[in-house]
């Protein structure tokens, strides 16, 4: 995944999703972590609040960007509850995009999200939905939801869910970014020294360790 199939230069990523990706500028946070490791990353985000991948597909903008953008990889984030409510539909949506991504010479990366705070039991359905379609398509799955589930089991702080019990706090987005760093570059985020307002060095260390453990053992 870390190799740039378009020649030397930054890894070029397109993110397609909604506020779970946009909140706290997740793509920019990943790029900052990568830069601290000496790895350049360029990114673009196409998002709409609450949007599903089918909504993005029907709008056409994301598919056009994939065809024209010469990306190395495209990160797909499904609407957060669809994998629980209708995994088959979610799989259909991912397959639509994967065909265009492959035709453009890029790779598909799936952003496995997390359960809402008031429905922790739904994480298994989310994990299973992303894992199954990832295995089917040979896509990279960033197991962010697994990292969240385990961190919430072991720690009370820093808090990952925002007040709405759904969206990520800065800590939640930082944990996601650390998982993506491992998934994209196949290396540990542990020890990456990037200060983030609101997170202590101890917070960052705990989140980094959780991300790396989830990437190494997502099941």
N, C-alpha and C. Protein backbone atom coordinates (compact mmCIF):
# COMPACT_ATOMS: atom_id res chain seq x y z
N UNK A 1 0.83 -1.21 0.00
CA UNK A 1 0.00 0.00 0.00
C UNK A 1 0.86 1.25 0.00
N UNK A 2 2.02 1.17 0.66
CA UNK A 2 2.86 2.36 0.75
C UNK A 2 3.52 2.71 -0.57
N UNK A 3 3.62 1.74 -1.48
CA UNK A 3 4.25 2.03 -2.76
C UNK A 3 3.35 2.90 -3.61
N UNK A 4 3.94 3.83 -4.28
CA UNK A 4 3.20 4.73 -5.17
C UNK A 4 3.30 4.20 -6.58
N UNK A 5 2.19 3.63 -7.08
CA UNK A 5 2.20 3.02 -8.40
C UNK A 5 2.29 4.02 -9.53
N UNK A 6 2.19 5.33 -9.23
CA UNK A 6 2.23 6.35 -10.27
C UNK A 6 3.62 6.97 -10.37
N UNK A 7 4.58 6.35 -9.77
CA UNK A 7 5.92 6.91 -9.80
C UNK A 7 6.26 7.53 -8.47
N UNK A 8 7.44 8.10 -8.39
CA UNK A 8 7.89 8.67 -7.13
C UNK A 8 7.09 9.92 -6.78
N UNK A 9 6.91 10.13 -5.50
CA UNK A 9 6.17 11.28 -5.04
C UNK A 9 5.24 10.91 -3.92
N UNK A 10 4.42 11.87 -3.45
CA UNK A 10 3.52 11.61 -2.33
C UNK A 10 2.48 10.55 -2.67
N UNK A 11 2.04 9.84 -1.65
CA UNK A 11 0.89 8.96 -1.80
C UNK A 11 -0.34 9.85 -1.98
N UNK A 12 -1.08 9.63 -3.02
CA UNK A 12 -2.20 10.50 -3.36
C UNK A 12 -3.51 9.79 -3.06
N UNK A 13 -4.30 10.35 -2.14
CA UNK A 13 -5.52 9.71 -1.66
C UNK A 13 -6.75 10.57 -1.90
N UNK A 14 -7.85 9.89 -2.25
CA UNK A 14 -9.16 10.52 -2.28
C UNK A 14 -10.00 9.87 -1.19
N UNK A 15 -10.62 10.69 -0.34
CA UNK A 15 -11.53 10.21 0.69
C UNK A 15 -12.96 10.50 0.23
N UNK A 16 -13.82 9.49 0.33
CA UNK A 16 -15.24 9.65 -0.01
C UNK A 16 -16.05 9.22 1.21
N UNK A 17 -16.81 10.14 1.78
CA UNK A 17 -17.55 9.79 2.98
C UNK A 17 -18.44 10.92 3.45
N UNK A 18 -18.57 11.01 4.77
CA UNK A 18 -19.41 12.07 5.34
C UNK A 18 -18.71 12.68 6.55
N UNK A 19 -19.47 13.15 7.51
CA UNK A 19 -18.88 13.88 8.62
C UNK A 19 -17.96 13.03 9.49
N UNK A 20 -18.09 11.71 9.44
CA UNK A 20 -17.17 10.86 10.20
C UNK A 20 -15.74 11.00 9.66
N UNK A 21 -15.62 11.33 8.39
CA UNK A 21 -14.30 11.59 7.80
C UNK A 21 -13.93 13.05 7.90
N UNK A 22 -14.90 13.93 7.73
CA UNK A 22 -14.62 15.37 7.73
C UNK A 22 -14.32 15.92 9.12
N UNK A 23 -14.99 15.37 10.13
CA UNK A 23 -14.84 15.91 11.49
C UNK A 23 -13.38 15.88 11.93
N UNK A 24 -12.91 16.98 12.46
CA UNK A 24 -11.53 17.13 12.94
C UNK A 24 -10.49 16.95 11.83
N UNK A 25 -10.93 17.09 10.58
CA UNK A 25 -10.02 16.99 9.42
C UNK A 25 -9.18 15.71 9.49
N UNK A 26 -9.86 14.57 9.48
CA UNK A 26 -9.14 13.30 9.54
C UNK A 26 -8.09 13.16 8.45
N UNK A 27 -8.38 13.48 7.17
CA UNK A 27 -7.33 13.35 6.16
C UNK A 27 -6.10 14.18 6.47
N UNK A 28 -6.31 15.41 6.94
CA UNK A 28 -5.18 16.26 7.28
C UNK A 28 -4.39 15.72 8.46
N UNK A 29 -5.08 15.12 9.42
CA UNK A 29 -4.41 14.55 10.58
C UNK A 29 -3.55 13.35 10.16
N UNK A 30 -4.09 12.52 9.28
CA UNK A 30 -3.29 11.40 8.76
C UNK A 30 -2.04 11.93 8.07
N UNK A 31 -2.21 12.98 7.27
CA UNK A 31 -1.06 13.55 6.55
C UNK A 31 -0.01 14.08 7.52
N UNK A 32 -0.44 14.69 8.62
CA UNK A 32 0.52 15.20 9.61
C UNK A 32 1.30 14.06 10.25
N UNK A 33 0.62 12.98 10.57
CA UNK A 33 1.29 11.83 11.17
C UNK A 33 2.27 11.21 10.17
N UNK A 34 1.83 11.12 8.92
CA UNK A 34 2.71 10.56 7.89
C UNK A 34 3.96 11.43 7.70
N UNK A 35 3.75 12.74 7.69
CA UNK A 35 4.88 13.66 7.51
C UNK A 35 5.91 13.48 8.63
N UNK A 36 5.42 13.25 9.85
CA UNK A 36 6.32 13.06 10.98
C UNK A 36 7.17 11.80 10.82
N UNK A 37 6.71 10.90 9.99
CA UNK A 37 7.47 9.68 9.70
C UNK A 37 8.24 9.79 8.39
N UNK A 38 8.24 10.98 7.81
CA UNK A 38 8.98 11.19 6.57
C UNK A 38 8.28 10.67 5.34
N UNK A 39 6.94 10.54 5.42
CA UNK A 39 6.18 10.00 4.30
C UNK A 39 5.16 11.04 3.85
N UNK A 40 5.25 11.43 2.60
CA UNK A 40 4.38 12.49 2.08
C UNK A 40 3.04 11.93 1.63
N UNK A 41 1.99 12.69 1.88
CA UNK A 41 0.64 12.26 1.53
C UNK A 41 -0.14 13.47 1.04
N UNK A 42 -0.74 13.35 -0.13
CA UNK A 42 -1.66 14.37 -0.64
C UNK A 42 -3.07 13.82 -0.55
N UNK A 43 -4.04 14.68 -0.26
CA UNK A 43 -5.39 14.16 -0.05
C UNK A 43 -6.45 15.14 -0.54
N UNK A 44 -7.56 14.57 -0.90
CA UNK A 44 -8.76 15.33 -1.25
C UNK A 44 -9.94 14.63 -0.59
N UNK A 45 -10.90 15.40 -0.13
CA UNK A 45 -12.10 14.84 0.51
C UNK A 45 -13.34 15.26 -0.25
N UNK A 46 -14.17 14.28 -0.57
CA UNK A 46 -15.51 14.54 -1.09
C UNK A 46 -16.48 14.00 -0.04
N UNK A 47 -17.27 14.90 0.56
CA UNK A 47 -18.13 14.47 1.65
C UNK A 47 -19.42 15.26 1.64
N UNK A 48 -20.43 14.66 2.24
CA UNK A 48 -21.71 15.33 2.47
C UNK A 48 -22.26 14.77 3.78
N UNK A 49 -22.84 15.63 4.59
CA UNK A 49 -23.33 15.22 5.89
C UNK A 49 -24.33 14.07 5.80
N UNK A 50 -24.05 12.98 6.51
CA UNK A 50 -24.95 11.84 6.55
C UNK A 50 -25.00 11.01 5.29
N UNK A 51 -24.16 11.31 4.32
CA UNK A 51 -24.26 10.65 3.01
C UNK A 51 -23.82 9.19 3.06
N UNK A 52 -24.52 8.37 2.31
CA UNK A 52 -24.11 7.00 2.07
C UNK A 52 -23.24 6.96 0.82
N UNK A 53 -22.58 5.85 0.61
CA UNK A 53 -21.81 5.70 -0.62
C UNK A 53 -22.73 5.70 -1.84
N UNK A 54 -23.94 5.19 -1.69
CA UNK A 54 -24.88 5.21 -2.83
C UNK A 54 -25.24 6.65 -3.19
N UNK A 55 -25.40 7.51 -2.20
CA UNK A 55 -25.69 8.91 -2.48
C UNK A 55 -24.53 9.54 -3.25
N UNK A 56 -23.31 9.23 -2.85
CA UNK A 56 -22.15 9.74 -3.58
C UNK A 56 -22.11 9.18 -4.99
N UNK A 57 -22.43 7.90 -5.13
CA UNK A 57 -22.42 7.29 -6.46
C UNK A 57 -23.44 7.97 -7.37
N UNK A 58 -24.64 8.17 -6.85
CA UNK A 58 -25.69 8.79 -7.65
C UNK A 58 -25.36 10.24 -8.02
N UNK A 59 -24.67 10.92 -7.14
CA UNK A 59 -24.29 12.31 -7.42
C UNK A 59 -23.26 12.40 -8.54
N UNK A 60 -22.41 11.39 -8.66
CA UNK A 60 -21.47 11.31 -9.77
C UNK A 60 -20.14 12.02 -9.56
N UNK A 61 -20.06 12.92 -8.61
CA UNK A 61 -18.84 13.71 -8.43
C UNK A 61 -17.66 12.85 -8.01
N UNK A 62 -17.89 11.92 -7.09
CA UNK A 62 -16.79 11.09 -6.59
C UNK A 62 -16.27 10.17 -7.69
N UNK A 63 -17.17 9.56 -8.45
CA UNK A 63 -16.72 8.67 -9.53
C UNK A 63 -15.93 9.43 -10.58
N UNK A 64 -16.36 10.64 -10.87
CA UNK A 64 -15.63 11.47 -11.83
C UNK A 64 -14.23 11.79 -11.31
N UNK A 65 -14.14 12.11 -10.03
CA UNK A 65 -12.84 12.42 -9.43
C UNK A 65 -11.92 11.20 -9.47
N UNK A 66 -12.47 10.03 -9.23
CA UNK A 66 -11.66 8.80 -9.28
C UNK A 66 -11.11 8.58 -10.68
N UNK A 67 -11.94 8.77 -11.67
CA UNK A 67 -11.52 8.54 -13.07
C UNK A 67 -10.45 9.54 -13.49
N UNK A 68 -10.55 10.76 -13.01
CA UNK A 68 -9.68 11.83 -13.51
C UNK A 68 -8.52 12.19 -12.60
N UNK A 69 -8.53 11.73 -11.36
CA UNK A 69 -7.61 12.27 -10.38
C UNK A 69 -6.27 11.60 -10.24
N UNK A 70 -6.07 10.47 -10.89
CA UNK A 70 -4.80 9.73 -10.80
C UNK A 70 -4.40 9.51 -9.34
N UNK A 71 -5.34 8.94 -8.58
CA UNK A 71 -5.09 8.63 -7.18
C UNK A 71 -4.43 7.27 -7.04
N UNK A 72 -3.66 7.13 -5.98
CA UNK A 72 -3.08 5.84 -5.64
C UNK A 72 -4.09 4.96 -4.92
N UNK A 73 -4.93 5.59 -4.11
CA UNK A 73 -5.94 4.84 -3.36
C UNK A 73 -7.14 5.73 -3.10
N UNK A 74 -8.30 5.09 -2.92
CA UNK A 74 -9.53 5.80 -2.59
C UNK A 74 -10.08 5.18 -1.31
N UNK A 75 -10.32 6.03 -0.31
CA UNK A 75 -10.84 5.59 0.98
C UNK A 75 -12.35 5.77 0.98
N UNK A 76 -13.06 4.68 1.20
CA UNK A 76 -14.52 4.69 1.19
C UNK A 76 -15.06 4.56 2.61
N UNK A 77 -15.92 5.49 3.01
CA UNK A 77 -16.56 5.44 4.32
C UNK A 77 -18.07 5.41 4.13
N UNK A 78 -18.67 4.30 4.51
CA UNK A 78 -20.12 4.15 4.37
C UNK A 78 -20.85 4.89 5.47
N UNK A 79 -22.10 5.24 5.23
CA UNK A 79 -22.95 5.83 6.27
C UNK A 79 -22.91 4.92 7.50
N UNK A 80 -22.82 5.49 8.68
CA UNK A 80 -22.39 4.73 9.86
C UNK A 80 -23.30 3.58 10.27
N UNK A 81 -24.61 3.69 10.04
CA UNK A 81 -25.50 2.62 10.49
C UNK A 81 -25.91 1.65 9.37
N UNK A 82 -25.58 1.95 8.12
CA UNK A 82 -26.00 1.08 7.03
C UNK A 82 -25.43 -0.33 7.14
N UNK A 83 -24.15 -0.51 7.54
CA UNK A 83 -23.65 -1.88 7.67
C UNK A 83 -24.44 -2.72 8.67
N UNK A 84 -25.09 -2.07 9.63
CA UNK A 84 -25.91 -2.78 10.60
C UNK A 84 -27.30 -3.05 10.04
N UNK A 85 -27.87 -2.03 9.41
CA UNK A 85 -29.25 -2.14 8.92
C UNK A 85 -29.37 -2.94 7.63
N UNK A 86 -28.36 -2.84 6.76
CA UNK A 86 -28.46 -3.49 5.45
C UNK A 86 -27.06 -3.71 4.89
N UNK A 87 -26.39 -4.74 5.38
CA UNK A 87 -25.02 -5.02 4.95
C UNK A 87 -24.95 -5.33 3.46
N UNK A 88 -25.99 -5.99 2.93
CA UNK A 88 -26.00 -6.33 1.51
C UNK A 88 -25.98 -5.07 0.65
N UNK A 89 -26.74 -4.09 1.06
CA UNK A 89 -26.77 -2.81 0.33
C UNK A 89 -25.40 -2.12 0.42
N UNK A 90 -24.81 -2.14 1.59
CA UNK A 90 -23.48 -1.55 1.76
C UNK A 90 -22.48 -2.23 0.85
N UNK A 91 -22.53 -3.54 0.76
CA UNK A 91 -21.62 -4.28 -0.11
C UNK A 91 -21.82 -3.89 -1.58
N UNK A 92 -23.07 -3.72 -1.99
CA UNK A 92 -23.35 -3.28 -3.36
C UNK A 92 -22.70 -1.93 -3.63
N UNK A 93 -22.82 -1.03 -2.67
CA UNK A 93 -22.26 0.31 -2.84
C UNK A 93 -20.74 0.27 -3.00
N UNK A 94 -20.09 -0.54 -2.18
CA UNK A 94 -18.64 -0.66 -2.25
C UNK A 94 -18.22 -1.27 -3.58
N UNK A 95 -18.95 -2.27 -4.05
CA UNK A 95 -18.60 -2.91 -5.33
C UNK A 95 -18.69 -1.90 -6.48
N UNK A 96 -19.70 -1.04 -6.47
CA UNK A 96 -19.81 -0.03 -7.52
C UNK A 96 -18.55 0.82 -7.59
N UNK A 97 -18.13 1.32 -6.45
CA UNK A 97 -16.94 2.17 -6.42
C UNK A 97 -15.67 1.38 -6.72
N UNK A 98 -15.58 0.16 -6.22
CA UNK A 98 -14.36 -0.62 -6.43
C UNK A 98 -14.10 -0.84 -7.92
N UNK A 99 -15.15 -1.04 -8.70
CA UNK A 99 -14.96 -1.21 -10.14
C UNK A 99 -14.33 0.00 -10.79
N UNK A 100 -14.80 1.18 -10.43
CA UNK A 100 -14.24 2.41 -10.98
C UNK A 100 -12.83 2.65 -10.47
N UNK A 101 -12.61 2.35 -9.20
CA UNK A 101 -11.28 2.54 -8.60
C UNK A 101 -10.26 1.65 -9.30
N UNK A 102 -10.59 0.40 -9.50
CA UNK A 102 -9.67 -0.52 -10.18
C UNK A 102 -9.41 -0.08 -11.62
N UNK A 103 -10.46 0.34 -12.30
CA UNK A 103 -10.30 0.77 -13.68
C UNK A 103 -9.38 1.98 -13.79
N UNK A 104 -9.34 2.78 -12.74
CA UNK A 104 -8.47 3.97 -12.72
C UNK A 104 -7.05 3.63 -12.26
N UNK A 105 -6.80 2.37 -11.93
CA UNK A 105 -5.46 1.96 -11.51
C UNK A 105 -5.15 2.26 -10.06
N UNK A 106 -6.19 2.48 -9.25
CA UNK A 106 -6.01 2.78 -7.83
C UNK A 106 -6.43 1.57 -6.99
N UNK A 107 -6.24 1.70 -5.67
CA UNK A 107 -6.64 0.66 -4.74
C UNK A 107 -7.76 1.17 -3.83
N UNK A 108 -8.61 0.22 -3.42
CA UNK A 108 -9.71 0.54 -2.53
C UNK A 108 -9.28 0.33 -1.08
N UNK A 109 -9.55 1.34 -0.25
CA UNK A 109 -9.31 1.25 1.19
C UNK A 109 -10.65 1.51 1.88
N UNK A 110 -11.04 0.64 2.79
CA UNK A 110 -12.32 0.76 3.47
C UNK A 110 -12.13 1.28 4.89
N UNK A 111 -12.86 2.32 5.22
CA UNK A 111 -12.81 2.96 6.52
C UNK A 111 -13.89 2.34 7.41
N UNK A 112 -13.50 1.30 8.15
CA UNK A 112 -14.43 0.66 9.09
C UNK A 112 -14.70 1.62 10.26
N UNK A 113 -15.94 2.02 10.40
CA UNK A 113 -16.28 2.97 11.45
C UNK A 113 -16.68 2.23 12.74
N UNK A 114 -17.24 2.96 13.69
CA UNK A 114 -17.48 2.46 15.05
C UNK A 114 -18.96 2.49 15.38
N UNK A 115 -19.29 1.78 16.45
CA UNK A 115 -20.66 1.77 16.95
C UNK A 115 -20.96 3.05 17.72
N UNK A 116 -22.20 3.44 17.72
CA UNK A 116 -22.61 4.58 18.53
C UNK A 116 -22.52 4.22 20.01
N UNK A 117 -22.33 5.22 20.83
CA UNK A 117 -22.09 4.99 22.25
C UNK A 117 -23.23 4.22 22.90
N UNK A 118 -24.46 4.48 22.46
CA UNK A 118 -25.62 3.82 23.07
C UNK A 118 -25.96 2.49 22.43
N UNK A 119 -25.13 2.03 21.48
CA UNK A 119 -25.38 0.74 20.82
C UNK A 119 -24.07 0.00 20.59
N UNK A 120 -23.30 -0.25 21.63
CA UNK A 120 -21.98 -0.88 21.45
C UNK A 120 -22.04 -2.26 20.82
N UNK A 121 -23.15 -2.95 21.02
CA UNK A 121 -23.27 -4.30 20.47
C UNK A 121 -23.32 -4.35 18.96
N UNK A 122 -23.56 -3.19 18.33
CA UNK A 122 -23.64 -3.18 16.86
C UNK A 122 -22.27 -3.22 16.20
N UNK A 123 -21.19 -3.09 17.00
CA UNK A 123 -19.85 -3.08 16.38
C UNK A 123 -19.55 -4.37 15.63
N UNK A 124 -20.01 -5.50 16.13
CA UNK A 124 -19.70 -6.76 15.45
C UNK A 124 -20.29 -6.79 14.05
N UNK A 125 -21.51 -6.27 13.90
CA UNK A 125 -22.13 -6.23 12.57
C UNK A 125 -21.35 -5.30 11.65
N UNK A 126 -20.89 -4.17 12.16
CA UNK A 126 -20.10 -3.23 11.37
C UNK A 126 -18.79 -3.88 10.95
N UNK A 127 -18.12 -4.51 11.91
CA UNK A 127 -16.85 -5.18 11.63
C UNK A 127 -17.03 -6.27 10.59
N UNK A 128 -18.05 -7.08 10.76
CA UNK A 128 -18.28 -8.18 9.82
C UNK A 128 -18.58 -7.68 8.42
N UNK A 129 -19.36 -6.59 8.32
CA UNK A 129 -19.73 -6.07 7.00
C UNK A 129 -18.50 -5.57 6.24
N UNK A 130 -17.67 -4.81 6.91
CA UNK A 130 -16.47 -4.29 6.25
C UNK A 130 -15.47 -5.40 5.95
N UNK A 131 -15.30 -6.31 6.89
CA UNK A 131 -14.34 -7.40 6.69
C UNK A 131 -14.74 -8.28 5.52
N UNK A 132 -16.02 -8.59 5.42
CA UNK A 132 -16.49 -9.49 4.36
C UNK A 132 -16.27 -8.90 2.98
N UNK A 133 -16.67 -7.65 2.78
CA UNK A 133 -16.52 -7.06 1.45
C UNK A 133 -15.06 -6.76 1.16
N UNK A 134 -14.30 -6.45 2.20
CA UNK A 134 -12.86 -6.26 2.00
C UNK A 134 -12.19 -7.52 1.52
N UNK A 135 -12.54 -8.65 2.12
CA UNK A 135 -11.96 -9.93 1.69
C UNK A 135 -12.42 -10.29 0.29
N UNK A 136 -13.67 -10.03 -0.01
CA UNK A 136 -14.21 -10.34 -1.33
C UNK A 136 -13.46 -9.59 -2.43
N UNK A 137 -13.17 -8.32 -2.19
CA UNK A 137 -12.59 -7.47 -3.22
C UNK A 137 -11.07 -7.35 -3.13
N UNK A 138 -10.49 -7.90 -2.09
CA UNK A 138 -9.06 -7.73 -1.90
C UNK A 138 -8.69 -6.31 -1.53
N UNK A 139 -9.61 -5.62 -0.87
CA UNK A 139 -9.39 -4.23 -0.47
C UNK A 139 -8.70 -4.18 0.89
N UNK A 140 -8.02 -3.09 1.15
CA UNK A 140 -7.44 -2.84 2.46
C UNK A 140 -8.54 -2.34 3.39
N UNK A 141 -8.65 -2.95 4.55
CA UNK A 141 -9.63 -2.51 5.55
C UNK A 141 -8.88 -1.86 6.71
N UNK A 142 -9.18 -0.60 6.97
CA UNK A 142 -8.62 0.09 8.13
C UNK A 142 -9.56 -0.16 9.31
N UNK A 143 -9.17 -1.03 10.27
CA UNK A 143 -10.10 -1.47 11.31
C UNK A 143 -10.28 -0.46 12.44
N UNK A 144 -10.72 0.72 12.08
CA UNK A 144 -10.88 1.78 13.08
C UNK A 144 -11.91 1.37 14.13
N UNK A 145 -13.02 0.79 13.71
CA UNK A 145 -14.05 0.37 14.66
C UNK A 145 -13.54 -0.64 15.67
N UNK A 146 -12.68 -1.54 15.24
CA UNK A 146 -12.10 -2.51 16.17
C UNK A 146 -11.23 -1.80 17.20
N UNK A 147 -10.43 -0.84 16.74
CA UNK A 147 -9.59 -0.08 17.67
C UNK A 147 -10.43 0.68 18.69
N UNK A 148 -11.51 1.29 18.22
CA UNK A 148 -12.41 2.01 19.13
C UNK A 148 -13.00 1.05 20.16
N UNK A 149 -13.51 -0.07 19.71
CA UNK A 149 -14.17 -1.02 20.60
C UNK A 149 -13.22 -1.46 21.71
N UNK A 150 -11.99 -1.78 21.36
CA UNK A 150 -11.03 -2.25 22.35
C UNK A 150 -10.58 -1.14 23.28
N UNK A 151 -10.40 0.06 22.72
CA UNK A 151 -9.99 1.18 23.56
C UNK A 151 -11.08 1.50 24.59
N UNK A 152 -12.32 1.51 24.15
CA UNK A 152 -13.43 1.81 25.05
C UNK A 152 -13.56 0.75 26.14
N UNK A 153 -13.19 -0.46 25.83
CA UNK A 153 -13.22 -1.55 26.82
C UNK A 153 -12.17 -1.34 27.91
N UNK A 154 -11.02 -0.80 27.52
CA UNK A 154 -9.87 -0.72 28.43
C UNK A 154 -9.66 0.65 29.08
N UNK A 155 -10.21 1.71 28.50
CA UNK A 155 -9.94 3.07 28.98
C UNK A 155 -11.23 3.88 29.10
N UNK A 156 -11.24 4.76 30.10
CA UNK A 156 -12.33 5.73 30.24
C UNK A 156 -11.98 7.06 29.59
N UNK A 157 -10.69 7.34 29.47
CA UNK A 157 -10.22 8.59 28.88
C UNK A 157 -9.01 8.32 28.01
N UNK A 158 -8.80 9.13 26.98
CA UNK A 158 -9.67 10.23 26.54
C UNK A 158 -10.96 9.72 25.91
N UNK A 159 -11.97 10.53 25.96
CA UNK A 159 -13.28 10.17 25.43
C UNK A 159 -13.24 10.17 23.91
N UNK A 160 -13.80 9.15 23.29
CA UNK A 160 -13.77 9.02 21.83
C UNK A 160 -15.02 9.58 21.15
N UNK A 161 -16.18 9.36 21.77
CA UNK A 161 -17.44 9.85 21.19
C UNK A 161 -17.69 11.30 21.60
N UNK A 162 -18.17 12.10 20.66
CA UNK A 162 -18.59 13.46 20.97
C UNK A 162 -19.92 13.43 21.74
N UNK A 163 -20.43 14.60 22.06
CA UNK A 163 -21.64 14.67 22.89
C UNK A 163 -22.85 14.04 22.24
N UNK A 164 -22.86 13.96 20.92
CA UNK A 164 -24.00 13.34 20.24
C UNK A 164 -23.94 11.82 20.28
N UNK A 165 -22.91 11.26 20.91
CA UNK A 165 -22.72 9.82 21.07
C UNK A 165 -22.47 9.10 19.74
N UNK A 166 -22.13 9.85 18.72
CA UNK A 166 -21.94 9.29 17.39
C UNK A 166 -20.62 9.75 16.77
N UNK A 167 -20.47 11.05 16.62
CA UNK A 167 -19.29 11.59 15.95
C UNK A 167 -18.04 11.49 16.85
N UNK A 168 -16.86 11.59 16.23
CA UNK A 168 -15.64 11.47 17.01
C UNK A 168 -15.22 12.79 17.65
N UNK A 169 -14.67 12.68 18.85
CA UNK A 169 -13.92 13.78 19.43
C UNK A 169 -12.57 13.86 18.71
N UNK A 170 -11.74 14.79 19.11
CA UNK A 170 -10.38 14.83 18.57
C UNK A 170 -9.65 13.52 18.86
N UNK A 171 -9.85 12.98 20.05
CA UNK A 171 -9.21 11.71 20.40
C UNK A 171 -9.69 10.59 19.49
N UNK A 172 -10.99 10.58 19.19
CA UNK A 172 -11.51 9.55 18.31
C UNK A 172 -10.94 9.64 16.91
N UNK A 173 -10.83 10.86 16.40
CA UNK A 173 -10.25 11.05 15.07
C UNK A 173 -8.75 10.72 15.08
N UNK A 174 -8.08 11.05 16.18
CA UNK A 174 -6.65 10.72 16.28
C UNK A 174 -6.46 9.20 16.26
N UNK A 175 -7.30 8.47 16.98
CA UNK A 175 -7.21 7.01 16.96
C UNK A 175 -7.43 6.49 15.54
N UNK A 176 -8.42 7.04 14.85
CA UNK A 176 -8.66 6.65 13.45
C UNK A 176 -7.45 6.95 12.58
N UNK A 177 -6.85 8.12 12.78
CA UNK A 177 -5.69 8.50 11.97
C UNK A 177 -4.53 7.55 12.19
N UNK A 178 -4.34 7.11 13.44
CA UNK A 178 -3.25 6.17 13.73
C UNK A 178 -3.49 4.82 13.06
N UNK A 179 -4.74 4.38 13.03
CA UNK A 179 -5.07 3.13 12.34
C UNK A 179 -4.77 3.28 10.85
N UNK A 180 -5.15 4.42 10.27
CA UNK A 180 -4.88 4.64 8.85
C UNK A 180 -3.39 4.71 8.56
N UNK A 181 -2.63 5.28 9.46
CA UNK A 181 -1.18 5.32 9.26
C UNK A 181 -0.63 3.91 9.13
N UNK A 182 -1.09 3.01 9.99
CA UNK A 182 -0.67 1.61 9.93
C UNK A 182 -1.16 0.94 8.65
N UNK A 183 -2.41 1.20 8.28
CA UNK A 183 -2.99 0.54 7.11
C UNK A 183 -2.37 1.02 5.80
N UNK A 184 -2.07 2.29 5.71
CA UNK A 184 -1.56 2.85 4.47
C UNK A 184 -0.07 2.60 4.27
N UNK A 185 0.68 2.63 5.38
CA UNK A 185 2.13 2.55 5.26
C UNK A 185 2.72 1.28 5.87
N UNK A 186 1.84 0.42 6.41
CA UNK A 186 2.28 -0.86 6.96
C UNK A 186 3.37 -0.69 8.02
N UNK A 187 3.20 0.33 8.84
CA UNK A 187 4.16 0.59 9.88
C UNK A 187 3.46 1.05 11.15
N UNK A 188 4.16 0.95 12.27
CA UNK A 188 3.56 1.29 13.55
C UNK A 188 3.45 2.80 13.75
N UNK A 189 2.31 3.26 14.29
CA UNK A 189 2.19 4.67 14.66
C UNK A 189 2.81 4.97 16.02
N UNK A 190 3.23 3.95 16.73
CA UNK A 190 3.76 4.14 18.08
C UNK A 190 5.03 4.98 18.02
N UNK A 191 5.04 6.03 18.81
CA UNK A 191 6.20 6.91 18.87
C UNK A 191 6.17 8.08 17.92
N UNK A 192 5.15 8.18 17.08
CA UNK A 192 5.04 9.33 16.18
C UNK A 192 4.76 10.58 17.01
N UNK A 193 5.61 11.56 16.91
CA UNK A 193 5.56 12.72 17.80
C UNK A 193 4.94 13.91 17.10
N UNK A 194 3.62 13.98 17.13
CA UNK A 194 2.88 15.11 16.59
C UNK A 194 1.94 15.61 17.68
N UNK A 195 2.12 16.84 18.12
CA UNK A 195 1.24 17.38 19.15
C UNK A 195 -0.14 17.66 18.58
N UNK A 196 -1.15 17.33 19.38
CA UNK A 196 -2.54 17.56 18.99
C UNK A 196 -3.23 18.27 20.15
N UNK A 197 -3.79 19.46 19.92
CA UNK A 197 -4.45 20.19 21.01
C UNK A 197 -5.50 19.33 21.70
N UNK A 198 -5.43 19.30 23.04
CA UNK A 198 -6.40 18.54 23.81
C UNK A 198 -5.97 17.13 24.15
N UNK A 199 -4.87 16.67 23.55
CA UNK A 199 -4.39 15.32 23.83
C UNK A 199 -3.01 15.39 24.47
N UNK A 200 -2.86 14.77 25.61
CA UNK A 200 -1.57 14.73 26.27
C UNK A 200 -0.68 13.69 25.60
N UNK A 201 0.59 13.71 25.95
CA UNK A 201 1.52 12.71 25.42
C UNK A 201 1.07 11.31 25.83
N UNK A 202 0.56 11.17 27.05
CA UNK A 202 0.07 9.88 27.51
C UNK A 202 -1.14 9.42 26.73
N UNK A 203 -2.06 10.35 26.45
CA UNK A 203 -3.23 10.03 25.62
C UNK A 203 -2.80 9.51 24.26
N UNK A 204 -1.89 10.25 23.63
CA UNK A 204 -1.45 9.88 22.29
C UNK A 204 -0.77 8.51 22.29
N UNK A 205 0.01 8.25 23.30
CA UNK A 205 0.70 6.96 23.37
C UNK A 205 -0.30 5.80 23.49
N UNK A 206 -1.32 5.99 24.34
CA UNK A 206 -2.32 4.93 24.51
C UNK A 206 -3.10 4.71 23.22
N UNK A 207 -3.45 5.78 22.53
CA UNK A 207 -4.20 5.68 21.28
C UNK A 207 -3.35 5.05 20.19
N UNK A 208 -2.08 5.41 20.12
CA UNK A 208 -1.18 4.81 19.14
C UNK A 208 -1.06 3.31 19.35
N UNK A 209 -0.90 2.90 20.60
CA UNK A 209 -0.76 1.47 20.89
C UNK A 209 -2.03 0.71 20.53
N UNK A 210 -3.19 1.30 20.82
CA UNK A 210 -4.46 0.65 20.48
C UNK A 210 -4.62 0.50 18.97
N UNK A 211 -4.23 1.53 18.24
CA UNK A 211 -4.33 1.49 16.78
C UNK A 211 -3.44 0.39 16.20
N UNK A 212 -2.22 0.32 16.67
CA UNK A 212 -1.28 -0.67 16.14
C UNK A 212 -1.73 -2.09 16.47
N UNK A 213 -2.25 -2.28 17.67
CA UNK A 213 -2.73 -3.61 18.05
C UNK A 213 -3.92 -4.03 17.20
N UNK A 214 -4.82 -3.09 16.91
CA UNK A 214 -5.97 -3.41 16.08
C UNK A 214 -5.56 -3.75 14.65
N UNK A 215 -4.57 -3.02 14.13
CA UNK A 215 -4.10 -3.31 12.77
C UNK A 215 -3.44 -4.68 12.71
N UNK A 216 -2.65 -5.02 13.72
CA UNK A 216 -1.96 -6.30 13.72
C UNK A 216 -2.90 -7.47 13.95
N UNK A 217 -3.95 -7.26 14.77
CA UNK A 217 -4.88 -8.34 15.12
C UNK A 217 -6.29 -7.81 15.07
N UNK A 218 -6.87 -7.63 13.88
CA UNK A 218 -8.19 -7.03 13.78
C UNK A 218 -9.33 -7.98 14.18
N UNK A 219 -9.05 -9.26 14.21
CA UNK A 219 -10.12 -10.22 14.53
C UNK A 219 -10.16 -10.51 16.02
